[in-house]
Amino acid sequence: MTIDEFRALKVGDQISNPMSDSLGTISEIVRNRSGVHVYVQWSGSPKTIHFSEHMTAWMHWSKE
């Protein structure tokens, strides 16, 4: 995924991470002065995990 694809994600979008063989759903997006912040509900996990555009984990994602 590119930074532009990350910034274009919307609530409800499905993503996959082939490195961890996992699927997730975007549950919340916050856009503020510090950038875009995406919250992902990974399948099989009760927790929502935060990712910002300043991290690199999303570079391994693909939009489904």
Protein backbone atom coordinates (compact mmCIF):
# COMPACT_ATOMS: atom_id res chain seq x y z
CA MET A 1 0.00 0.00 0.00
CA THR A 2 1.22 3.51 -0.76
CA ILE A 3 0.81 6.54 1.48
CA ASP A 4 -1.91 7.83 -0.85
CA GLU A 5 -3.82 4.53 -0.57
CA PHE A 6 -3.45 4.63 3.23
CA ARG A 7 -4.77 8.20 3.36
CA ALA A 8 -7.72 7.23 1.13
CA LEU A 9 -8.96 4.40 3.38
CA LYS A 10 -12.53 4.70 4.66
CA VAL A 11 -14.39 3.21 7.59
CA GLY A 12 -15.58 -0.25 6.58
CA ASP A 13 -12.76 -0.90 4.11
CA GLN A 14 -11.27 -4.38 4.29
CA ILE A 15 -7.51 -4.80 4.31
CA SER A 16 -5.18 -7.76 4.32
CA ASN A 17 -1.63 -8.20 5.55
CA PRO A 18 0.06 -11.06 3.69
CA MET A 19 3.06 -10.95 6.06
CA SER A 20 0.88 -12.00 8.99
CA ASP A 21 -1.81 -13.72 6.90
CA SER A 22 -4.47 -11.54 8.54
CA LEU A 23 -7.57 -9.62 7.53
CA GLY A 24 -8.87 -6.44 9.09
CA THR A 25 -11.63 -3.87 8.87
CA ILE A 26 -11.12 -0.14 9.23
CA SER A 27 -13.23 0.86 12.24
CA GLU A 28 -12.29 4.52 12.67
CA ILE A 29 -10.26 7.20 10.91
CA VAL A 30 -9.00 10.41 12.47
CA ARG A 31 -7.53 13.18 10.35
CA ASN A 32 -5.81 15.97 12.21
CA ARG A 33 -2.74 18.20 12.14
CA SER A 34 -0.47 15.26 12.89
CA GLY A 35 -1.75 13.26 9.91
CA VAL A 36 -4.08 10.35 9.27
CA HIS A 37 -4.72 7.81 12.02
CA VAL A 38 -6.46 4.53 11.18
CA TYR A 39 -7.95 2.07 13.66
CA VAL A 40 -8.13 -1.55 12.53
CA GLN A 41 -10.19 -4.40 13.92
CA TRP A 42 -8.20 -7.48 12.96
CA SER A 43 -10.21 -10.66 12.53
CA GLY A 44 -10.02 -12.91 15.56
CA SER A 45 -8.94 -10.09 17.88
CA PRO A 46 -11.23 -8.22 20.27
CA LYS A 47 -8.91 -5.17 20.23
CA THR A 48 -8.79 -2.28 17.80
CA ILE A 49 -5.24 -1.26 16.90
CA HIS A 50 -4.11 2.25 15.96
CA PHE A 51 -1.83 2.97 13.00
CA SER A 52 -0.66 6.42 11.92
CA GLU A 53 0.71 7.47 8.57
CA HIS A 54 4.09 7.94 10.28
CA MET A 55 4.35 4.20 10.95
CA THR A 56 5.46 1.68 8.33
CA ALA A 57 3.26 -1.35 9.14
CA TRP A 58 0.60 -0.26 6.63
CA MET A 59 3.14 -0.55 3.79
CA HIS A 60 2.52 -4.31 3.94
CA TRP A 61 -1.27 -3.98 3.61
CA SER A 62 -3.46 -4.45 0.56
CA LYS A 63 -7.00 -3.17 0.21
CA GLU A 64 -9.44 -5.99 -0.47
